[in-house]
C-alpha cells in the first residue's frame, strides 16, 4: 500500500498544491492536485477517485485531469469512476460538470462516457481491486467522509476535513490493527474559533481527537493552510508525539 502525496495543503500558494493523494497507481483520494503533480502517462493510469467532499481544494484539478486524458482515454476505452456520497455527487453534477463551469463528461462521448459517479453510503464497504474501502462521515461544514482502507493485512485511515468527530474513531477502534492515520490540522491554536467555524482542527484539537483513538500508528498530518505552516509545525512538535509528522508534498509513504 503506497500513498504518494500529490498535494497536502488546505490552500494554494506557489509550490503548495491542494489536497490529493495517490494510492498505488490507480486510485486518487481527493482531486486537489492530480493534473498538477502527475505526468500525462501517470494520469492515464488513474481509474478511480475517492472524494471526501466537494470543497474546491479537494476538487480543483478534477476538470483538468478529465480533459487531459479524454482523447487517449476514448481510444483505449478508459473510464474514470468517482466514488462519493449523495450530496457530493449532486454538487459535482450541479456546480462542476454541468456544461457551464465545465463540460459534463458523464455524457461525453455519448455512447461510452468517460466519467462515472458511484454513490457510496456510510459503513457500507466496497471493493476497488485489492482494496476494501469503508466510508464514514466526519464533522465538517458540508457532508464529508473519511475512509478506512484495507489491502491484505494493512489498514489505513484517511480522515477527511473535520473538527471534533466520533464515528470514524469508533469504527477504527474496532479494528485489530491500524498501520497509518492521515488526518488534517488546518490552523494554529490561536485561530481555534476560525477552525471551529470552518470545520477544521488545530494542534490542540488534533491532540483531543487522538485521545479517542486506541491505536498508535504512524500519523501523517496534512491540510495546513500555507501561511501558518511553520506555526502549526511548532505547535505539533510541542505535543511531544513521536508518531506524528507533517505530510510532505511529493513524498511516498509505503506500508
Protein backbone atom coordinates (compact mmCIF):
# COMPACT_ATOMS: atom_id res chain seq x y z
CA UNK A 1 0.00 0.00 0.00
CA UNK A 2 1.70 3.18 -1.24
CA UNK A 3 0.46 6.72 -0.64
CA UNK A 4 2.03 9.41 -2.83
CA UNK A 5 1.37 12.98 -1.74
CA UNK A 6 0.26 14.95 -4.79
CA UNK A 7 -0.84 17.88 -2.66
CA UNK A 8 -1.24 18.19 1.09
CA UNK A 9 -2.35 21.76 1.78
CA UNK A 10 -5.66 23.38 2.62
CA UNK A 11 -4.87 26.39 0.48
CA UNK A 12 -2.88 27.35 -2.60
CA UNK A 13 0.42 29.22 -2.94
CA UNK A 14 3.33 28.77 -5.37
CA UNK A 15 4.73 25.28 -4.82
CA UNK A 16 1.92 24.34 -2.43
CA UNK A 17 -0.74 22.10 -4.03
CA UNK A 18 -4.16 21.41 -2.57
CA UNK A 19 -5.21 18.05 -1.16
CA UNK A 20 -4.78 14.92 -3.23
CA UNK A 21 -3.11 11.56 -2.55
CA UNK A 22 -2.34 8.76 -5.00
CA UNK A 23 -3.00 5.27 -3.64
CA UNK A 24 -0.78 2.87 -5.56
CA UNK A 25 -1.22 3.93 -9.22
CA UNK A 26 -4.93 3.69 -9.99
CA UNK A 27 -6.73 5.41 -7.09
CA UNK A 28 -6.70 9.07 -6.06
CA UNK A 29 -8.03 10.25 -2.72
CA UNK A 30 -9.44 13.72 -3.44
CA UNK A 31 -8.65 15.74 -6.52
CA UNK A 32 -6.85 18.89 -5.49
CA UNK A 33 -3.65 18.27 -7.46
CA UNK A 34 -3.99 15.36 -9.92
CA UNK A 35 -3.29 17.41 -13.05
CA UNK A 36 -0.56 19.43 -11.31
CA UNK A 37 1.50 16.62 -9.82
CA UNK A 38 1.11 13.71 -12.25
CA UNK A 39 2.55 13.43 -15.74
CA UNK A 40 0.14 12.59 -18.55
CA UNK A 41 1.25 8.91 -18.61
CA UNK A 42 0.65 8.77 -14.86
CA UNK A 43 -2.77 10.39 -15.24
CA UNK A 44 -3.67 7.75 -17.82
CA UNK A 45 -3.06 5.01 -15.23
CA UNK A 46 -5.57 6.56 -12.83
CA UNK A 47 -9.02 4.97 -12.84
CA UNK A 48 -10.75 5.83 -9.56
CA UNK A 49 -11.21 8.84 -7.27
CA UNK A 50 -12.37 8.59 -3.66
CA UNK A 51 -13.83 12.02 -2.96
CA UNK A 52 -14.28 13.12 0.65
CA UNK A 53 -16.29 16.27 -0.19
CA UNK A 54 -16.62 18.97 -2.82
CA UNK A 55 -14.78 21.99 -1.42
CA UNK A 56 -12.59 23.40 -4.16
CA UNK A 57 -9.28 22.48 -2.51
CA UNK A 58 -10.34 18.82 -2.92
CA UNK A 59 -11.84 19.05 -6.42
CA UNK A 60 -9.73 21.74 -8.12
CA UNK A 61 -7.88 19.51 -10.61
CA UNK A 62 -10.66 17.08 -11.49
CA UNK A 63 -11.91 19.00 -14.56
CA UNK A 64 -8.37 19.42 -15.94
CA UNK A 65 -7.49 15.76 -15.27
CA UNK A 66 -10.55 14.55 -17.18
CA UNK A 67 -9.85 16.97 -20.01
CA UNK A 68 -6.18 15.96 -20.20
CA UNK A 69 -6.87 12.27 -20.70
CA UNK A 70 -10.06 12.46 -22.75
CA UNK A 71 -8.72 11.76 -26.25
CA UNK A 72 -6.40 8.94 -25.23
CA UNK A 73 -8.97 7.52 -22.82
CA UNK A 74 -11.52 7.33 -25.63
CA UNK A 75 -9.04 5.46 -27.82
CA UNK A 76 -8.19 2.98 -25.06
CA UNK A 77 -11.68 2.53 -23.62
CA UNK A 78 -10.68 4.03 -20.27
CA UNK A 79 -13.38 5.05 -17.78
CA UNK A 80 -12.93 7.19 -14.66
CA UNK A 81 -15.12 6.46 -11.64
CA UNK A 82 -15.60 8.94 -8.82
CA UNK A 83 -16.90 7.40 -5.58
CA UNK A 84 -18.56 9.72 -3.10
CA UNK A 85 -21.72 10.30 -1.08
CA UNK A 86 -25.01 11.55 -2.43
CA UNK A 87 -24.53 15.23 -1.54
CA UNK A 88 -21.10 15.35 -3.18
CA UNK A 89 -22.28 13.71 -6.38
CA UNK A 90 -25.22 16.12 -6.59
CA UNK A 91 -22.85 19.06 -6.13
CA UNK A 92 -20.46 17.78 -8.83
CA UNK A 93 -23.37 17.48 -11.26
CA UNK A 94 -24.88 20.86 -10.40
CA UNK A 95 -21.80 23.03 -9.96
CA UNK A 96 -18.82 21.48 -11.74
CA UNK A 97 -19.55 19.03 -14.57
CA UNK A 98 -22.62 20.96 -15.65
CA UNK A 99 -21.69 22.30 -19.11
CA UNK A 100 -21.48 25.77 -17.59
CA UNK A 101 -18.45 25.52 -15.33
CA UNK A 102 -17.02 22.61 -17.37
CA UNK A 103 -18.30 20.07 -19.92
CA UNK A 104 -20.37 17.23 -18.50
CA UNK A 105 -18.07 14.29 -19.13
CA UNK A 106 -20.70 11.89 -17.79
CA UNK A 107 -22.33 12.41 -21.21
CA UNK A 108 -19.20 12.57 -23.39
CA UNK A 109 -18.68 10.61 -25.57
CA UNK A 110 -22.35 9.82 -25.98
CA UNK A 111 -22.07 6.03 -26.34
CA UNK A 112 -19.40 5.40 -23.70
CA UNK A 113 -18.94 8.41 -21.38
CA UNK A 114 -15.53 8.89 -19.78
CA UNK A 115 -16.77 9.87 -16.32
CA UNK A 116 -18.97 7.87 -13.96
CA UNK A 117 -20.24 8.70 -10.47
CA UNK A 118 -20.91 5.97 -7.91
CA UNK A 119 -22.80 6.81 -4.73
CA UNK A 120 -21.41 5.27 -1.54
CA UNK A 121 -23.09 5.02 1.83
CA UNK A 122 -21.74 5.19 5.34
CA UNK A 123 -20.29 1.94 6.72
CA UNK A 124 -21.17 0.05 3.53
CA UNK A 125 -17.79 -1.25 2.40
CA UNK A 126 -16.97 -1.63 -1.28
CA UNK A 127 -14.06 -3.01 -3.25
CA UNK A 128 -11.71 -1.46 -5.79
CA UNK A 129 -9.35 -4.15 -6.99
CA UNK A 130 -7.33 -5.36 -3.99
CA UNK A 131 -8.67 -2.60 -1.75
CA UNK A 132 -11.67 -2.64 0.55
CA UNK A 133 -12.97 0.82 1.45
CA UNK A 134 -15.30 1.68 4.34
CA UNK A 135 -16.67 5.25 4.24
CA UNK A 136 -17.52 7.07 7.48
CA UNK A 137 -18.97 10.56 7.86
CA UNK A 138 -16.84 13.07 9.76
CA UNK A 139 -17.77 16.51 11.11
CA UNK A 140 -17.18 19.27 8.55
CA UNK A 141 -19.37 22.20 7.46
CA UNK A 142 -20.68 20.22 4.48
CA UNK A 143 -21.22 16.45 4.24
CA UNK A 144 -17.76 14.89 4.27
CA UNK A 145 -16.50 11.33 4.53
CA UNK A 146 -13.30 9.74 5.74
CA UNK A 147 -12.19 6.30 4.60
CA UNK A 148 -10.88 3.15 6.23
CA UNK A 149 -8.85 1.43 3.54
CA UNK A 150 -7.77 -2.22 3.74
CA UNK A 151 -5.37 -4.08 1.48
CA UNK A 152 -4.24 -7.51 2.62
CA UNK A 153 -3.15 -7.20 6.24
CA UNK A 154 -2.64 -3.40 6.04
CA UNK A 155 -5.18 -0.78 7.11
CA UNK A 156 -5.03 2.98 6.61
CA UNK A 157 -7.40 5.68 7.81
CA UNK A 158 -7.86 8.83 5.77
CA UNK A 159 -9.85 11.36 7.77
CA UNK A 160 -11.44 13.98 5.55
CA UNK A 161 -11.76 17.60 6.63
CA UNK A 162 -13.18 17.61 10.14
CA UNK A 163 -13.39 19.22 13.52
CA UNK A 164 -14.12 17.08 16.61
CA UNK A 165 -15.79 13.89 15.42
CA UNK A 166 -16.79 10.44 16.72
CA UNK A 167 -17.90 7.74 14.31
CA UNK A 168 -14.63 7.21 12.48
CA UNK A 169 -12.86 6.59 15.80
CA UNK A 170 -15.49 4.07 16.85
CA UNK A 171 -15.03 2.19 13.59
CA UNK A 172 -11.24 2.35 13.79
CA UNK A 173 -11.14 1.21 17.41
CA UNK A 174 -12.98 -1.94 16.40
CA UNK A 175 -10.13 -2.95 14.10
CA UNK A 176 -7.33 -5.23 15.23
CA UNK A 177 -4.58 -3.07 13.77
CA UNK A 178 -4.16 0.29 12.06
CA UNK A 179 -0.94 0.97 10.14
CA UNK A 180 -1.27 4.67 9.34
CA UNK A 181 -3.57 7.59 10.03
CA UNK A 182 -3.82 10.57 7.68
CA UNK A 183 -5.52 13.44 9.50
CA UNK A 184 -5.91 17.16 8.96
CA UNK A 185 -4.74 20.10 11.04
CA UNK A 186 -5.52 23.35 9.26
CA UNK A 187 -4.99 26.25 11.67
CA UNK A 188 -2.74 27.19 14.61
CA UNK A 189 -4.15 27.11 18.13
CA UNK A 190 -4.71 30.88 18.25
CA UNK A 191 -7.26 30.54 15.44
CA UNK A 192 -9.42 27.96 17.22
CA UNK A 193 -12.63 29.96 16.64
CA UNK A 194 -11.99 30.11 12.89
CA UNK A 195 -11.11 26.39 12.87
CA UNK A 196 -14.35 25.53 14.67
CA UNK A 197 -16.49 27.71 12.41
CA UNK A 198 -14.94 26.28 9.24
CA UNK A 199 -14.93 22.68 10.48
CA UNK A 200 -11.21 22.10 10.99
CA UNK A 201 -8.65 21.12 13.62
CA UNK A 202 -5.83 22.93 15.39
CA UNK A 203 -2.91 21.08 17.04
CA UNK A 204 -4.76 21.11 20.38
CA UNK A 205 -7.87 19.84 18.62
CA UNK A 206 -5.84 17.10 16.98
CA UNK A 207 -4.48 16.01 20.35
CA UNK A 208 -8.05 15.74 21.66
CA UNK A 209 -9.06 13.59 18.68
CA UNK A 210 -6.09 11.27 19.16
CA UNK A 211 -7.25 10.67 22.74
CA UNK A 212 -10.33 8.97 21.23
CA UNK A 213 -8.14 6.69 19.11
CA UNK A 214 -6.96 3.47 20.75
CA UNK A 215 -4.30 2.58 18.18
CA UNK A 216 -0.85 4.18 17.95
CA UNK A 217 0.15 4.01 14.28
CA UNK A 218 2.22 6.38 12.23
CA UNK A 219 0.32 9.69 11.95
CA UNK A 220 0.63 11.86 8.84
CA UNK A 221 -0.80 15.35 9.33
CA UNK A 222 -1.96 17.25 6.24
CA UNK A 223 -4.18 20.18 5.13
CA UNK A 224 -2.22 23.04 6.71
CA UNK A 225 -3.16 26.49 5.48
CA UNK A 226 0.11 27.53 3.78
CA UNK A 227 0.52 30.82 5.64
CA UNK A 228 0.52 29.01 9.00
CA UNK A 229 2.76 26.01 8.25
CA UNK A 230 5.67 26.98 10.49
CA UNK A 231 3.40 27.92 13.40
CA UNK A 232 1.40 24.70 13.10
CA UNK A 233 4.58 22.62 12.86
CA UNK A 234 5.94 24.16 16.07
CA UNK A 235 2.67 23.52 17.90
CA UNK A 236 2.51 19.93 16.67
CA UNK A 237 6.08 19.37 17.83
CA UNK A 238 5.11 20.69 21.26
CA UNK A 239 2.61 17.85 21.58
CA UNK A 240 5.57 15.50 22.01
CA UNK A 241 4.08 12.65 19.98
CA UNK A 242 6.93 10.74 18.26
CA UNK A 243 4.48 9.05 15.87
CA UNK A 244 3.34 12.34 14.38
CA UNK A 245 4.77 14.05 11.27
CA UNK A 246 3.74 16.61 8.68
CA UNK A 247 2.92 15.35 5.21
CA UNK A 248 5.47 16.37 2.58
CA UNK A 249 4.37 17.18 -0.94
CA UNK A 250 5.86 14.60 -3.29
CA UNK A 251 6.60 12.09 -0.53
CA UNK A 252 5.71 8.41 -0.91
CA UNK A 253 4.64 6.53 2.22
CA UNK A 254 4.86 2.75 1.97
CA UNK A 255 3.07 0.31 4.27
